[in-house]
Amino acid sequence: MNFPTLLTLFRILIIPLLVAIYYLPLDSKYLICAGLFGLAALTDWLDGFLARRWNQMTPFGAFLDPVADKLMVAVALGLLIEVHASWLLTLPALVIIGREIVISALREWMAELGKSANVAVSWLGKVKTTFQMVSIFLLLLAPPGELIAWAGIATLYLAALLTLWSMYSYLRAAMPHLLPSENK
């Protein structure tokens, strides 16, 4: 167990705390939840940076990092879907969650074929993740209807478009292995 992996575990431990605080009748719950999510997003970047910098990459850390990311995003989007109770937020949130399921399954399948390099994380995936994290942070920062929440929804749509683009890129890269031609 190294420090980068502990940061990843910390990110997972923040999830129940985020949920509990979001349902408390506190005036400051939006600020606290946005702060927790922002901290988690920063540890996502920091754990990978430190693991590479300190040469502390481990198979467990490589497995756990994307799990922590997907859990954090899915839980936060689930909270926001409920609170906003609007198709306007639900549609891009479900696109993002659905993409994560599809790409996780695709990466698992490609790994079984020994072709995981074909669907490695790309620059587009990193940009998508950045917009996703910013949008969720903004949405957690204020109750529905406030200007910050509207900015969060707009950013979530941009993240959803990037999500679809990155999913298309990954599927296109994997297609020769998913649907091999019959002439081979």
Protein backbone atom coordinates (compact mmCIF):
# COMPACT_ATOMS: atom_id res chain seq x y z
CA MET A 1 0.00 0.00 0.00
CA ASN A 2 1.57 3.25 -1.14
CA PHE A 3 0.55 6.91 -0.86
CA PRO A 4 -1.01 7.22 -4.35
CA THR A 5 -3.18 4.16 -3.64
CA LEU A 6 -4.16 5.63 -0.27
CA LEU A 7 -5.29 8.78 -2.11
CA THR A 8 -7.45 6.62 -4.37
CA LEU A 9 -8.97 4.84 -1.36
CA PHE A 10 -9.58 8.24 0.24
CA ARG A 11 -11.56 9.20 -2.87
CA ILE A 12 -13.79 6.15 -2.41
CA LEU A 13 -14.27 6.92 1.30
CA ILE A 14 -15.46 10.44 0.43
CA ILE A 15 -18.48 9.01 -1.42
CA PRO A 16 -20.67 8.07 1.58
CA LEU A 17 -19.70 11.32 3.28
CA LEU A 18 -20.76 13.30 0.19
CA VAL A 19 -24.11 11.49 0.08
CA ALA A 20 -24.77 11.94 3.80
CA ILE A 21 -23.98 15.66 3.75
CA TYR A 22 -26.04 16.22 0.59
CA TYR A 23 -29.16 15.03 2.40
CA LEU A 24 -28.58 16.99 5.61
CA PRO A 25 -30.71 20.09 6.15
CA LEU A 26 -27.69 22.41 6.19
CA ASP A 27 -27.50 25.75 4.44
CA SER A 28 -23.85 25.07 3.67
CA LYS A 29 -24.36 21.55 2.29
CA TYR A 30 -23.85 22.67 -1.33
CA LEU A 31 -20.54 24.31 -0.56
CA ILE A 32 -19.35 21.35 1.53
CA CYS A 33 -20.36 18.78 -1.11
CA ALA A 34 -18.76 20.77 -3.92
CA GLY A 35 -15.61 21.05 -1.79
CA LEU A 36 -15.55 17.30 -1.15
CA PHE A 37 -16.07 16.56 -4.82
CA GLY A 38 -13.41 19.09 -5.81
CA LEU A 39 -10.99 17.49 -3.35
CA ALA A 40 -11.76 14.08 -4.80
CA ALA A 41 -11.19 15.38 -8.34
CA LEU A 42 -7.83 16.81 -7.29
CA THR A 43 -6.78 13.52 -5.68
CA ASP A 44 -7.68 11.80 -8.95
CA TRP A 45 -5.07 13.88 -10.72
CA LEU A 46 -2.60 13.78 -7.81
CA ASP A 47 -2.60 10.01 -7.25
CA GLY A 48 -1.74 9.32 -10.89
CA PHE A 49 0.89 12.06 -10.98
CA LEU A 50 2.56 10.80 -7.79
CA ALA A 51 2.40 7.15 -8.82
CA ARG A 52 4.22 7.96 -12.05
CA ARG A 53 6.64 10.47 -10.47
CA TRP A 54 7.59 8.20 -7.57
CA ASN A 55 7.46 5.03 -9.70
CA GLN A 56 4.80 3.58 -7.40
CA MET A 57 2.41 2.26 -10.02
CA THR A 58 0.86 -1.02 -8.93
CA PRO A 59 -1.67 -3.38 -10.50
CA PHE A 60 -4.03 -2.71 -7.57
CA GLY A 61 -3.72 1.05 -8.01
CA ALA A 62 -4.24 0.75 -11.78
CA PHE A 63 -7.42 -1.24 -11.10
CA LEU A 64 -8.71 0.91 -8.26
CA ASP A 65 -8.19 4.36 -9.81
CA PRO A 66 -10.79 4.09 -12.60
CA VAL A 67 -13.19 2.35 -10.22
CA ALA A 68 -12.93 5.25 -7.77
CA ASP A 69 -13.47 7.76 -10.58
CA LYS A 70 -16.53 6.01 -11.97
CA LEU A 71 -18.06 5.53 -8.51
CA MET A 72 -17.55 9.17 -7.61
CA VAL A 73 -19.03 10.45 -10.87
CA ALA A 74 -21.96 8.00 -10.92
CA VAL A 75 -22.94 8.67 -7.30
CA ALA A 76 -22.68 12.45 -7.70
CA LEU A 77 -24.71 12.37 -10.92
CA GLY A 78 -27.29 10.13 -9.21
CA LEU A 79 -27.70 12.68 -6.43
CA LEU A 80 -28.02 15.50 -8.93
CA ILE A 81 -30.56 13.62 -11.07
CA GLU A 82 -32.76 13.17 -8.03
CA VAL A 83 -32.48 16.72 -6.74
CA HIS A 84 -32.89 18.44 -10.10
CA ALA A 85 -35.67 16.02 -11.17
CA SER A 86 -35.45 17.29 -14.74
CA TRP A 87 -34.81 15.63 -18.07
CA LEU A 88 -32.52 18.57 -18.80
CA LEU A 89 -29.94 17.22 -16.35
CA THR A 90 -30.94 13.55 -16.52
CA LEU A 91 -30.24 13.17 -20.25
CA PRO A 92 -26.55 14.17 -20.24
CA ALA A 93 -25.99 12.44 -16.88
CA LEU A 94 -27.28 9.14 -18.25
CA VAL A 95 -25.19 9.55 -21.40
CA ILE A 96 -22.11 9.93 -19.21
CA ILE A 97 -22.98 6.99 -16.95
CA GLY A 98 -23.91 4.80 -19.93
CA ARG A 99 -20.65 5.61 -21.70
CA GLU A 100 -18.66 4.64 -18.62
CA ILE A 101 -20.36 1.23 -18.57
CA VAL A 102 -19.81 0.68 -22.30
CA ILE A 103 -16.15 1.70 -22.23
CA SER A 104 -15.43 -0.33 -19.09
CA ALA A 105 -16.88 -3.41 -20.77
CA LEU A 106 -14.97 -2.63 -23.97
CA ARG A 107 -11.68 -2.28 -22.09
CA GLU A 108 -12.30 -5.57 -20.29
CA TRP A 109 -13.06 -7.32 -23.57
CA MET A 110 -10.02 -5.84 -25.31
CA ALA A 111 -7.82 -6.86 -22.37
CA GLU A 112 -9.04 -10.45 -22.79
CA LEU A 113 -7.95 -10.23 -26.44
CA GLY A 114 -4.58 -8.79 -25.40
CA LYS A 115 -5.41 -5.54 -27.21
CA SER A 116 -5.89 -3.15 -24.29
CA ALA A 117 -3.46 -0.65 -25.84
CA ASN A 118 -6.07 -0.04 -28.56
CA VAL A 119 -8.42 1.48 -25.97
CA ALA A 120 -5.95 3.14 -23.61
CA VAL A 121 -6.92 6.48 -22.10
CA SER A 122 -6.56 9.23 -24.70
CA TRP A 123 -6.20 13.00 -24.50
CA LEU A 124 -9.88 13.24 -25.44
CA GLY A 125 -10.80 11.08 -22.46
CA LYS A 126 -8.81 13.37 -20.19
CA VAL A 127 -10.51 16.50 -21.58
CA LYS A 128 -13.89 14.80 -21.17
CA THR A 129 -13.08 13.95 -17.57
CA THR A 130 -12.04 17.53 -16.85
CA PHE A 131 -15.32 18.96 -18.17
CA GLN A 132 -17.24 16.25 -16.32
CA MET A 133 -15.57 17.10 -13.01
CA VAL A 134 -16.05 20.86 -13.49
CA SER A 135 -19.73 20.41 -14.36
CA ILE A 136 -20.43 18.18 -11.36
CA PHE A 137 -18.54 20.57 -9.09
CA LEU A 138 -20.69 23.49 -10.35
CA LEU A 139 -23.90 21.48 -9.99
CA LEU A 140 -23.04 20.49 -6.43
CA LEU A 141 -22.16 24.09 -5.56
CA ALA A 142 -25.70 25.47 -5.78
CA PRO A 143 -29.31 24.31 -5.59
CA PRO A 144 -31.30 23.80 -8.81
CA GLY A 145 -32.33 26.97 -10.57
CA GLU A 146 -29.42 29.16 -9.55
CA LEU A 147 -27.07 30.60 -12.16
CA ILE A 148 -24.19 28.37 -11.07
CA ALA A 149 -26.40 25.31 -11.50
CA TRP A 150 -27.34 26.45 -15.02
CA ALA A 151 -23.64 26.86 -15.80
CA GLY A 152 -23.13 23.34 -14.45
CA ILE A 153 -25.85 21.96 -16.72
CA ALA A 154 -24.37 23.73 -19.75
CA THR A 155 -20.94 22.31 -18.91
CA LEU A 156 -22.50 18.87 -18.37
CA TYR A 157 -23.85 19.00 -21.93
CA LEU A 158 -20.39 19.80 -23.21
CA ALA A 159 -19.03 16.89 -21.16
CA ALA A 160 -21.73 14.62 -22.61
CA LEU A 161 -20.79 15.62 -26.17
CA LEU A 162 -17.13 14.91 -25.41
CA THR A 163 -18.26 11.64 -23.82
CA LEU A 164 -19.99 10.55 -27.02
CA TRP A 165 -17.02 11.64 -29.13
CA SER A 166 -14.55 9.73 -26.97
CA MET A 167 -16.82 6.65 -26.93
CA TYR A 168 -16.97 6.76 -30.73
CA SER A 169 -13.17 7.01 -30.88
CA TYR A 170 -12.69 4.02 -28.57
CA LEU A 171 -15.30 1.92 -30.40
CA ARG A 172 -13.77 2.81 -33.77
CA ALA A 173 -10.33 1.75 -32.52
CA ALA A 174 -11.74 -1.53 -31.20
CA MET A 175 -14.04 -2.31 -34.14
CA PRO A 176 -11.53 -4.42 -36.11
CA HIS A 177 -11.23 -6.67 -33.07
CA LEU A 178 -14.93 -6.71 -32.26
CA LEU A 179 -16.11 -7.40 -35.80
CA PRO A 180 -13.24 -9.13 -37.57
CA SER A 181 -13.69 -9.53 -41.29
CA GLU A 182 -14.57 -12.99 -42.53
CA ASN A 183 -11.61 -12.95 -44.93
CA LYS A 184 -9.05 -13.34 -42.14
